[in-house]
Amino acid sequence: MAQVRKERRTRSWLAGVAAITVALGGLTAPAVAQDASHAPSEFAEFAAGHTVNEAGYPDAEILAPAKGTGTVKANSAVNIRRGPHSGYYSTNGSYPNGTTLTLLCKTFGQKVTGPAGTTNRWYKTAGRKYVSGGYLVVTKTPGNCTEPTGDDYPWSGQCPTPPGVGNERDTWNYTKGQCTSFVSFRAQGRLGKNLSGLGQASEWNNRAPAKGISVGTMPLIGAVAVSESGTYGHVAYVTKVNSDFSFTVEEYNYVAKCKHGVRANLTLANSSFSSFIYP
């Protein structure tokens, strides 16, 4: 059975807004500034007694597979990315050549050619810190990265009808109980990213670039899957990516009305999803 651990980081809600820059195919665009200055009373009550992450939101229990080890092989240093793709995620520091790393888990993403070879494997070393296997000599391979799934959504059981009326809006101004609200909750809590202002689910992939968020068709762990089907579309949070790039999503208001659900072994071919955004 997978062991479980909890990250024990506590930061203030008023830590401030950090501006970062994301490289997008040779261009740069400002990423969405994190805005953690407004927590609804329901969320504050839910957070009481839980460990919280740097976004000020309760940390989920992180599934911890067997760890691995690897040594950086680079001309001078390897960039650390916030996700498993060099074009979609900004840098998060670097590791000098020769550094021995503890590898928490592995996932699959952009194929990279480096001094250690060509591979689509990426290794998580901490938090939002990923290193391509093209720059690692792996001496012990870790287990696969899998984010936990579970209905810890603070407005579980709320299903406004009609939606969007009165105080039925969440922290990000989405209707409680809807897919957009749940994914915003996940992105803020797991990634420290504010996804407010993206409109209906079907609009997220078109509005994301204006907020400095990349869009593509590769499933990556921590990405948001977007469907433009139907009247309003649908969004879901990617919790796992397999070696064949099939993926698992966690979502709300799809399997059942205003209810939590998980679907596995999805692809763009066997689902209504057509793209992903990378917070």
C-alpha atoms as a PDB file:
ATOM      1  CA  MET A   1       0.000   0.000   0.000  1.00  0.00           C
ATOM      2  CA  ALA A   2       1.150   3.505  -0.722  1.00  0.00           C
ATOM      3  CA  GLN A   3       2.419   5.337   2.275  1.00  0.00           C
ATOM      4  CA  VAL A   4       0.917   8.688   3.075  1.00  0.00           C
ATOM      5  CA  ARG A   5       2.576  11.780   4.369  1.00  0.00           C
ATOM      6  CA  LYS A   6       1.477  15.329   4.980  1.00  0.00           C
ATOM      7  CA  GLU A   7       3.416  18.421   4.114  1.00  0.00           C
ATOM      8  CA  ARG A   8       3.696  20.651   7.152  1.00  0.00           C
ATOM      9  CA  ARG A   9       4.120  24.078   5.708  1.00  0.00           C
ATOM     10  CA  THR A  10       2.324  27.042   7.217  1.00  0.00           C
ATOM     11  CA  ARG A  11       2.278  30.446   5.592  1.00  0.00           C
ATOM     12  CA  SER A  12       0.081  33.499   6.211  1.00  0.00           C
ATOM     13  CA  TRP A  13      -2.867  34.397   3.979  1.00  0.00           C
ATOM     14  CA  LEU A  14      -1.253  37.817   3.708  1.00  0.00           C
ATOM     15  CA  ALA A  15       2.074  36.600   2.381  1.00  0.00           C
ATOM     16  CA  GLY A  16       1.600  38.933  -0.587  1.00  0.00           C
ATOM     17  CA  VAL A  17       1.308  38.613  -4.319  1.00  0.00           C
ATOM     18  CA  ALA A  18       4.264  37.213  -6.225  1.00  0.00           C
ATOM     19  CA  ALA A  19       4.732  38.059  -9.904  1.00  0.00           C
ATOM     20  CA  ILE A  20       6.424  35.440 -12.010  1.00  0.00           C
ATOM     21  CA  THR A  21       7.185  35.129 -15.685  1.00  0.00           C
ATOM     22  CA  VAL A  22       6.458  32.093 -17.803  1.00  0.00           C
ATOM     23  CA  ALA A  23       8.423  31.405 -20.976  1.00  0.00           C
ATOM     24  CA  LEU A  24       6.095  30.562 -23.819  1.00  0.00           C
ATOM     25  CA  GLY A  25       7.828  29.418 -26.965  1.00  0.00           C
ATOM     26  CA  GLY A  26      10.422  32.190 -26.994  1.00  0.00           C
ATOM     27  CA  LEU A  27       7.972  34.819 -25.733  1.00  0.00           C
ATOM     28  CA  THR A  28       7.339  35.763 -22.159  1.00  0.00           C
ATOM     29  CA  ALA A  29       4.019  36.488 -20.536  1.00  0.00           C
ATOM     30  CA  PRO A  30       3.229  37.370 -16.913  1.00  0.00           C
ATOM     31  CA  ALA A  31       1.610  34.558 -15.041  1.00  0.00           C
ATOM     32  CA  VAL A  32      -1.452  35.062 -12.880  1.00  0.00           C
ATOM     33  CA  ALA A  33      -0.481  36.638  -9.581  1.00  0.00           C
ATOM     34  CA  GLN A  34      -1.539  34.557  -6.632  1.00  0.00           C
ATOM     35  CA  ASP A  35      -4.297  36.255  -4.696  1.00  0.00           C
ATOM     36  CA  ALA A  36      -4.780  34.577  -1.351  1.00  0.00           C
ATOM     37  CA  SER A  37      -6.176  37.573   0.457  1.00  0.00           C
ATOM     38  CA  HIS A  38      -9.798  36.485   0.467  1.00  0.00           C
ATOM     39  CA  ALA A  39     -10.890  33.256   2.095  1.00  0.00           C
ATOM     40  CA  PRO A  40     -14.633  32.728   2.573  1.00  0.00           C
ATOM     41  CA  SER A  41     -15.845  31.900   6.058  1.00  0.00           C
ATOM     42  CA  GLU A  42     -16.751  28.363   4.997  1.00  0.00           C
ATOM     43  CA  PHE A  43     -13.195  27.786   3.824  1.00  0.00           C
ATOM     44  CA  ALA A  44     -11.711  29.270   6.987  1.00  0.00           C
ATOM     45  CA  GLU A  45     -13.791  26.874   9.062  1.00  0.00           C
ATOM     46  CA  PHE A  46     -12.747  23.950   6.887  1.00  0.00           C
ATOM     47  CA  ALA A  47      -9.083  24.920   7.140  1.00  0.00           C
ATOM     48  CA  ALA A  48      -9.101  25.090  10.936  1.00  0.00           C
ATOM     49  CA  GLY A  49      -7.110  22.211  12.338  1.00  0.00           C
ATOM     50  CA  HIS A  50      -5.635  21.191   8.978  1.00  0.00           C
ATOM     51  CA  THR A  51      -2.074  21.679   7.818  1.00  0.00           C
ATOM     52  CA  VAL A  52      -1.897  24.351   5.128  1.00  0.00           C
ATOM     53  CA  ASN A  53       0.401  24.988   2.198  1.00  0.00           C
ATOM     54  CA  GLU A  54       2.042  28.195   1.013  1.00  0.00           C
ATOM     55  CA  ALA A  55      -1.186  29.307  -0.652  1.00  0.00           C
ATOM     56  CA  GLY A  56      -2.906  29.237   2.733  1.00  0.00           C
ATOM     57  CA  TYR A  57      -5.130  26.331   1.745  1.00  0.00           C
ATOM     58  CA  PRO A  58      -5.339  22.912   3.440  1.00  0.00           C
ATOM     59  CA  ASP A  59      -2.793  20.471   2.074  1.00  0.00           C
ATOM     60  CA  ALA A  60      -4.089  17.174   0.792  1.00  0.00           C
ATOM     61  CA  GLU A  61      -2.383  14.034   1.936  1.00  0.00           C
ATOM     62  CA  ILE A  62       0.207  13.249  -0.723  1.00  0.00           C
ATOM     63  CA  LEU A  63       0.530   9.673  -1.890  1.00  0.00           C
ATOM     64  CA  ALA A  64       4.171   8.753  -1.383  1.00  0.00           C
ATOM     65  CA  PRO A  65       5.448   5.839  -3.499  1.00  0.00           C
ATOM     66  CA  ALA A  66       8.874   4.291  -3.054  1.00  0.00           C
ATOM     67  CA  LYS A  67      11.504   7.009  -3.484  1.00  0.00           C
ATOM     68  CA  GLY A  68      14.417   6.890  -5.895  1.00  0.00           C
ATOM     69  CA  THR A  69      17.795   8.536  -6.356  1.00  0.00           C
ATOM     70  CA  GLY A  70      19.577  10.222  -9.242  1.00  0.00           C
ATOM     71  CA  THR A  71      22.541  12.435 -10.019  1.00  0.00           C
ATOM     72  CA  VAL A  72      22.406  15.543 -12.199  1.00  0.00           C
ATOM     73  CA  LYS A  73      24.335  15.235 -15.466  1.00  0.00           C
ATOM     74  CA  ALA A  74      24.554  18.657 -17.122  1.00  0.00           C
ATOM     75  CA  ASN A  75      27.141  21.029 -18.556  1.00  0.00           C
ATOM     76  CA  SER A  76      26.787  23.274 -15.504  1.00  0.00           C
ATOM     77  CA  ALA A  77      23.287  22.932 -14.046  1.00  0.00           C
ATOM     78  CA  VAL A  78      19.779  21.723 -14.914  1.00  0.00           C
ATOM     79  CA  ASN A  79      16.706  23.929 -14.666  1.00  0.00           C
ATOM     80  CA  ILE A  80      14.014  22.908 -12.243  1.00  0.00           C
ATOM     81  CA  ARG A  81      10.532  23.271 -13.743  1.00  0.00           C
ATOM     82  CA  ARG A  82       7.215  23.810 -11.983  1.00  0.00           C
ATOM     83  CA  GLY A  83       5.757  20.988 -14.066  1.00  0.00           C
ATOM     84  CA  PRO A  84       6.943  18.259 -16.471  1.00  0.00           C
ATOM     85  CA  HIS A  85       7.388  20.454 -19.557  1.00  0.00           C
ATOM     86  CA  SER A  86       9.992  23.122 -20.335  1.00  0.00           C
ATOM     87  CA  GLY A  87       7.696  25.136 -22.607  1.00  0.00           C
ATOM     88  CA  TYR A  88       4.620  25.183 -20.389  1.00  0.00           C
ATOM     89  CA  TYR A  89       6.170  25.807 -16.990  1.00  0.00           C
ATOM     90  CA  SER A  90       8.526  28.463 -15.653  1.00  0.00           C
ATOM     91  CA  THR A  91      11.780  27.634 -13.925  1.00  0.00           C
ATOM     92  CA  ASN A  92      11.941  27.052 -10.188  1.00  0.00           C
ATOM     93  CA  GLY A  93      15.680  27.284  -9.589  1.00  0.00           C
ATOM     94  CA  SER A  94      18.375  24.869 -10.748  1.00  0.00           C
ATOM     95  CA  TYR A  95      20.504  21.959  -9.559  1.00  0.00           C
ATOM     96  CA  PRO A  96      24.272  22.045 -10.232  1.00  0.00           C
ATOM     97  CA  ASN A  97      25.949  19.258 -12.172  1.00  0.00           C
ATOM     98  CA  GLY A  98      26.811  16.326  -9.915  1.00  0.00           C
ATOM     99  CA  THR A  99      24.051  16.993  -7.376  1.00  0.00           C
ATOM    100  CA  THR A 100      22.603  13.790  -5.926  1.00  0.00           C
ATOM    101  CA  LEU A 101      18.834  14.053  -5.609  1.00  0.00           C
ATOM    102  CA  THR A 102      16.125  12.161  -3.805  1.00  0.00           C
ATOM    103  CA  LEU A 103      13.414  11.453  -6.378  1.00  0.00           C
ATOM    104  CA  LEU A 104       9.944  11.454  -4.838  1.00  0.00           C
ATOM    105  CA  CYS A 105       8.197  10.009  -7.874  1.00  0.00           C
ATOM    106  CA  LYS A 106       8.206   9.943 -11.673  1.00  0.00           C
ATOM    107  CA  THR A 107       5.678  11.129 -14.232  1.00  0.00           C
ATOM    108  CA  PHE A 108       5.531  11.562 -18.000  1.00  0.00           C
ATOM    109  CA  GLY A 109       5.684  14.736 -20.038  1.00  0.00           C
ATOM    110  CA  GLN A 110       7.706  16.506 -22.695  1.00  0.00           C
ATOM    111  CA  LYS A 111      10.374  14.392 -24.419  1.00  0.00           C
ATOM    112  CA  VAL A 112      13.763  15.938 -23.700  1.00  0.00           C
ATOM    113  CA  THR A 113      17.229  15.148 -25.025  1.00  0.00           C
ATOM    114  CA  GLY A 114      20.049  15.901 -22.606  1.00  0.00           C
ATOM    115  CA  PRO A 115      23.485  14.622 -21.561  1.00  0.00           C
ATOM    116  CA  ALA A 116      21.860  11.606 -19.882  1.00  0.00           C
ATOM    117  CA  GLY A 117      19.805  10.626 -22.939  1.00  0.00           C
ATOM    118  CA  THR A 118      16.380  11.158 -24.512  1.00  0.00           C
ATOM    119  CA  THR A 119      13.268  10.465 -22.437  1.00  0.00           C
ATOM    120  CA  ASN A 120       9.768  11.677 -21.599  1.00  0.00           C
ATOM    121  CA  ARG A 121      10.223  10.804 -17.929  1.00  0.00           C
ATOM    122  CA  TRP A 122      10.279  13.628 -15.405  1.00  0.00           C
ATOM    123  CA  TYR A 123      11.116  13.327 -11.722  1.00  0.00           C
ATOM    124  CA  LYS A 124       9.601  15.253  -8.847  1.00  0.00           C
ATOM    125  CA  THR A 125      12.139  16.331  -6.229  1.00  0.00           C
ATOM    126  CA  ALA A 126       9.955  18.516  -3.971  1.00  0.00           C
ATOM    127  CA  GLY A 127       6.793  20.627  -4.123  1.00  0.00           C
ATOM    128  CA  ARG A 128       6.444  22.026  -7.643  1.00  0.00           C
ATOM    129  CA  LYS A 129       9.953  20.948  -8.613  1.00  0.00           C
ATOM    130  CA  TYR A 130      10.441  18.651 -11.596  1.00  0.00           C
ATOM    131  CA  VAL A 131      13.616  17.671 -13.459  1.00  0.00           C
ATOM    132  CA  SER A 132      13.772  15.979 -16.867  1.00  0.00           C
ATOM    133  CA  GLY A 133      15.289  12.516 -16.982  1.00  0.00           C
ATOM    134  CA  GLY A 134      17.414  13.788 -19.858  1.00  0.00           C
ATOM    135  CA  TYR A 135      19.586  15.426 -17.227  1.00  0.00           C
ATOM    136  CA  LEU A 136      19.586  12.700 -14.571  1.00  0.00           C
ATOM    137  CA  VAL A 137      21.519   9.479 -14.128  1.00  0.00           C
ATOM    138  CA  VAL A 138      18.893   7.521 -12.205  1.00  0.00           C
ATOM    139  CA  THR A 139      20.343   4.873  -9.921  1.00  0.00           C
ATOM    140  CA  LYS A 140      17.051   3.933  -8.271  1.00  0.00           C
ATOM    141  CA  THR A 141      13.742   4.483 -10.061  1.00  0.00           C
ATOM    142  CA  PRO A 142      10.912   5.852  -7.905  1.00  0.00           C
ATOM    143  CA  GLY A 143       7.227   4.974  -8.164  1.00  0.00           C
ATOM    144  CA  ASN A 144       4.745   6.890 -10.305  1.00  0.00           C
ATOM    145  CA  CYS A 145       3.445  10.284  -9.236  1.00  0.00           C
ATOM    146  CA  THR A 146      -0.233  10.075  -8.270  1.00  0.00           C
ATOM    147  CA  GLU A 147      -2.089  12.909  -6.627  1.00  0.00           C
ATOM    148  CA  PRO A 148      -4.694  11.810  -4.090  1.00  0.00           C
ATOM    149  CA  THR A 149      -8.381  12.036  -4.931  1.00  0.00           C
ATOM    150  CA  GLY A 150     -11.189  12.584  -2.479  1.00  0.00           C
ATOM    151  CA  ASP A 151     -14.093  14.867  -1.760  1.00  0.00           C
ATOM    152  CA  ASP A 152     -12.467  17.462   0.500  1.00  0.00           C
ATOM    153  CA  TYR A 153     -14.224  20.263  -1.421  1.00  0.00           C
ATOM    154  CA  PRO A 154     -15.429  22.754   1.243  1.00  0.00           C
ATOM    155  CA  TRP A 155     -18.835  23.300  -0.403  1.00  0.00           C
ATOM    156  CA  SER A 156     -19.644  19.629  -0.881  1.00  0.00           C
ATOM    157  CA  GLY A 157     -23.406  19.109  -0.824  1.00  0.00           C
ATOM    158  CA  GLN A 158     -24.215  22.581  -2.117  1.00  0.00           C
ATOM    159  CA  CYS A 159     -25.952  22.610  -5.483  1.00  0.00           C
ATOM    160  CA  PRO A 160     -27.481  26.030  -6.256  1.00  0.00           C
ATOM    161  CA  THR A 161     -30.526  25.981  -8.541  1.00  0.00           C
ATOM    162  CA  PRO A 162     -30.523  28.062 -10.599  1.00  0.00           C
ATOM    163  CA  PRO A 163     -26.720  28.456 -10.438  1.00  0.00           C
ATOM    164  CA  GLY A 164     -24.953  31.752  -9.846  1.00  0.00           C
ATOM    165  CA  VAL A 165     -27.531  33.410  -7.621  1.00  0.00           C
ATOM    166  CA  GLY A 166     -26.861  35.485  -4.493  1.00  0.00           C
ATOM    167  CA  ASN A 167     -24.191  34.125  -2.133  1.00  0.00           C
ATOM    168  CA  GLU A 168     -23.835  30.916  -4.094  1.00  0.00           C
ATOM    169  CA  ARG A 169     -20.463  32.028  -5.494  1.00  0.00           C
ATOM    170  CA  ASP A 170     -17.185  30.649  -4.199  1.00  0.00           C
ATOM    171  CA  THR A 171     -13.832  32.329  -3.508  1.00  0.00           C
ATOM    172  CA  TRP A 172     -13.066  32.516  -7.237  1.00  0.00           C
ATOM    173  CA  ASN A 173     -16.559  33.785  -8.170  1.00  0.00           C
ATOM    174  CA  TYR A 174     -17.647  30.473  -9.677  1.00  0.00           C
ATOM    175  CA  THR A 175     -20.896  28.769  -8.716  1.00  0.00           C
ATOM    176  CA  LYS A 176     -20.511  26.325  -5.848  1.00  0.00           C
ATOM    177  CA  GLY A 177     -20.940  22.682  -6.762  1.00  0.00           C
ATOM    178  CA  GLN A 178     -19.842  23.185 -10.366  1.00  0.00           C
ATOM    179  CA  CYS A 179     -16.770  21.803 -12.149  1.00  0.00           C
ATOM    180  CA  THR A 180     -15.153  25.245 -12.414  1.00  0.00           C
ATOM    181  CA  SER A 181     -15.429  25.783  -8.658  1.00  0.00           C
ATOM    182  CA  PHE A 182     -13.917  22.414  -7.772  1.00  0.00           C
ATOM    183  CA  VAL A 183     -10.995  22.739 -10.199  1.00  0.00           C
ATOM    184  CA  SER A 184     -10.272  26.250  -8.891  1.00  0.00           C
ATOM    185  CA  PHE A 185     -10.228  24.831  -5.364  1.00  0.00           C
ATOM    186  CA  ARG A 186      -7.766  22.120  -6.459  1.00  0.00           C
ATOM    187  CA  ALA A 187      -5.513  24.494  -8.381  1.00  0.00           C
ATOM    188  CA  GLN A 188      -5.308  26.961  -5.494  1.00  0.00           C
ATOM    189  CA  GLY A 189      -4.694  24.290  -2.889  1.00  0.00           C
ATOM    190  CA  ARG A 190      -2.290  22.060  -4.810  1.00  0.00           C
ATOM    191  CA  LEU A 191      -0.588  24.569  -7.111  1.00  0.00           C
ATOM    192  CA  GLY A 192      -1.072  27.939  -5.410  1.00  0.00           C
ATOM    193  CA  LYS A 193      -2.705  29.271  -8.598  1.00  0.00           C
ATOM    194  CA  ASN A 194      -5.758  31.525  -8.780  1.00  0.00           C
ATOM    195  CA  LEU A 195      -7.986  30.543 -11.721  1.00  0.00           C
ATOM    196  CA  SER A 196     -10.673  33.192 -11.273  1.00  0.00           C
ATOM    197  CA  GLY A 197     -11.977  35.098 -14.264  1.00  0.00           C
ATOM    198  CA  LEU A 198     -11.821  32.302 -16.846  1.00  0.00           C
ATOM    199  CA  GLY A 199     -15.590  32.226 -17.476  1.00  0.00           C
ATOM    200  CA  GLN A 200     -17.584  29.143 -18.381  1.00  0.00           C
ATOM    201  CA  ALA A 201     -15.651  25.866 -18.562  1.00  0.00           C
ATOM    202  CA  SER A 202     -15.792  25.922 -22.365  1.00  0.00           C
ATOM    203  CA  GLU A 203     -13.965  29.272 -22.358  1.00  0.00           C
ATOM    204  CA  TRP A 204     -11.027  28.361 -20.135  1.00  0.00           C
ATOM    205  CA  ASN A 205      -8.628  27.317 -22.884  1.00  0.00           C
ATOM    206  CA  ASN A 206      -9.293  30.525 -24.835  1.00  0.00           C
ATOM    207  CA  ARG A 207      -9.025  32.867 -21.853  1.00  0.00           C
ATOM    208  CA  ALA A 208      -6.031  31.239 -20.155  1.00  0.00           C
ATOM    209  CA  PRO A 209      -3.286  32.758 -22.370  1.00  0.00           C
ATOM    210  CA  ALA A 210      -4.378  36.291 -21.478  1.00  0.00           C
ATOM    211  CA  LYS A 211      -3.630  35.367 -17.862  1.00  0.00           C
ATOM    212  CA  GLY A 212      -0.193  33.968 -18.705  1.00  0.00           C
ATOM    213  CA  ILE A 213      -1.314  30.334 -18.559  1.00  0.00           C
ATOM    214  CA  SER A 214      -0.165  28.001 -21.332  1.00  0.00           C
ATOM    215  CA  VAL A 215      -2.521  25.780 -23.315  1.00  0.00           C
ATOM    216  CA  GLY A 216      -1.708  22.544 -25.128  1.00  0.00           C
ATOM    217  CA  THR A 217      -2.870  19.018 -25.930  1.00  0.00           C
ATOM    218  CA  MET A 218      -0.492  16.995 -23.741  1.00  0.00           C
ATOM    219  CA  PRO A 219      -1.929  15.606 -20.494  1.00  0.00           C
ATOM    220  CA  LEU A 220       0.345  16.476 -17.574  1.00  0.00           C
ATOM    221  CA  ILE A 221      -0.093  15.894 -13.871  1.00  0.00           C
ATOM    222  CA  GLY A 222      -1.584  19.013 -12.263  1.00  0.00           C
ATOM    223  CA  ALA A 223      -3.003  20.283 -15.565  1.00  0.00           C
ATOM    224  CA  VAL A 224      -6.646  21.153 -16.153  1.00  0.00           C
ATOM    225  CA  ALA A 225      -8.463  19.138 -18.821  1.00  0.00           C
ATOM    226  CA  VAL A 226     -10.918  21.254 -20.828  1.00  0.00           C
ATOM    227  CA  SER A 227     -13.969  20.136 -22.783  1.00  0.00           C
ATOM    228  CA  GLU A 228     -15.849  22.558 -25.029  1.00  0.00           C
ATOM    229  CA  SER A 229     -18.744  20.133 -25.510  1.00  0.00           C
ATOM    230  CA  GLY A 230     -22.269  21.007 -24.494  1.00  0.00           C
ATOM    231  CA  THR A 231     -23.706  24.360 -23.459  1.00  0.00           C
ATOM    232  CA  TYR A 232     -21.159  25.183 -20.770  1.00  0.00           C
ATOM    233  CA  GLY A 233     -18.293  22.757 -21.366  1.00  0.00           C
ATOM    234  CA  HIS A 234     -16.469  20.940 -18.568  1.00  0.00           C
ATOM    235  CA  VAL A 235     -13.142  21.086 -16.719  1.00  0.00           C
ATOM    236  CA  ALA A 236     -11.369  18.510 -14.555  1.00  0.00           C
ATOM    237  CA  TYR A 237      -8.091  18.237 -12.634  1.00  0.00           C
ATOM    238  CA  VAL A 238      -5.467  15.752 -13.861  1.00  0.00           C
ATOM    239  CA  THR A 239      -4.149  13.620 -10.997  1.00  0.00           C
ATOM    240  CA  LYS A 240      -2.089  11.026 -12.882  1.00  0.00           C
ATOM    241  CA  VAL A 241      -0.503  10.476 -16.307  1.00  0.00           C
ATOM    242  CA  ASN A 242       0.507   7.013 -17.484  1.00  0.00           C
ATOM    243  CA  SER A 243       3.405   6.078 -19.755  1.00  0.00           C
ATOM    244  CA  ASP A 244       1.009   5.842 -22.735  1.00  0.00           C
ATOM    245  CA  PHE A 245      -0.297   9.322 -21.831  1.00  0.00           C
ATOM    246  CA  SER A 246      -3.705   8.090 -20.773  1.00  0.00           C
ATOM    247  CA  PHE A 247      -4.697  10.045 -17.688  1.00  0.00           C
ATOM    248  CA  THR A 248      -6.885  10.195 -14.584  1.00  0.00           C
ATOM    249  CA  VAL A 249      -9.060  13.174 -13.675  1.00  0.00           C
ATOM    250  CA  GLU A 250     -10.828  14.308 -10.545  1.00  0.00           C
ATOM    251  CA  GLU A 251     -13.931  16.416 -11.083  1.00  0.00           C
ATOM    252  CA  TYR A 252     -17.285  17.718  -9.932  1.00  0.00           C
ATOM    253  CA  ASN A 253     -20.713  17.792 -11.557  1.00  0.00           C
ATOM    254  CA  TYR A 254     -20.008  15.151 -14.199  1.00  0.00           C
ATOM    255  CA  VAL A 255     -20.493  11.644 -12.852  1.00  0.00           C
ATOM    256  CA  ALA A 256     -23.488  12.974 -10.882  1.00  0.00           C
ATOM    257  CA  LYS A 257     -25.019  16.422 -10.427  1.00  0.00           C
ATOM    258  CA  CYS A 258     -22.903  18.549  -8.082  1.00  0.00           C
ATOM    259  CA  LYS A 259     -21.055  15.415  -6.917  1.00  0.00           C
ATOM    260  CA  HIS A 260     -17.397  14.426  -6.803  1.00  0.00           C
ATOM    261  CA  GLY A 261     -16.077  11.871  -9.254  1.00  0.00           C
ATOM    262  CA  VAL A 262     -12.912  10.246 -10.621  1.00  0.00           C
ATOM    263  CA  ARG A 263     -12.336   8.821 -14.112  1.00  0.00           C
ATOM    264  CA  ALA A 264      -9.245   6.894 -15.183  1.00  0.00           C
ATOM    265  CA  ASN A 265      -7.592   5.751 -18.425  1.00  0.00           C
ATOM    266  CA  LEU A 266      -8.898   8.705 -20.405  1.00  0.00           C
ATOM    267  CA  THR A 267      -7.481  10.011 -23.669  1.00  0.00           C
ATOM    268  CA  LEU A 268      -8.439  12.837 -25.994  1.00  0.00           C
ATOM    269  CA  ALA A 269      -9.880  10.144 -28.284  1.00  0.00           C
ATOM    270  CA  ASN A 270     -12.131   8.417 -25.739  1.00  0.00           C
ATOM    271  CA  SER A 271     -13.298  11.520 -23.858  1.00  0.00           C
ATOM    272  CA  SER A 272     -14.778  14.923 -24.685  1.00  0.00           C
ATOM    273  CA  PHE A 273     -11.617  16.727 -23.559  1.00  0.00           C
ATOM    274  CA  SER A 274      -9.834  18.593 -26.332  1.00  0.00           C
ATOM    275  CA  SER A 275      -7.055  20.518 -24.582  1.00  0.00           C
ATOM    276  CA  PHE A 276      -5.305  21.256 -21.299  1.00  0.00           C
ATOM    277  CA  ILE A 277      -4.284  24.389 -19.482  1.00  0.00           C
ATOM    278  CA  TYR A 278      -1.149  24.377 -17.330  1.00  0.00           C
ATOM    279  CA  PRO A 279      -1.535  26.572 -14.197  1.00  0.00           C
END
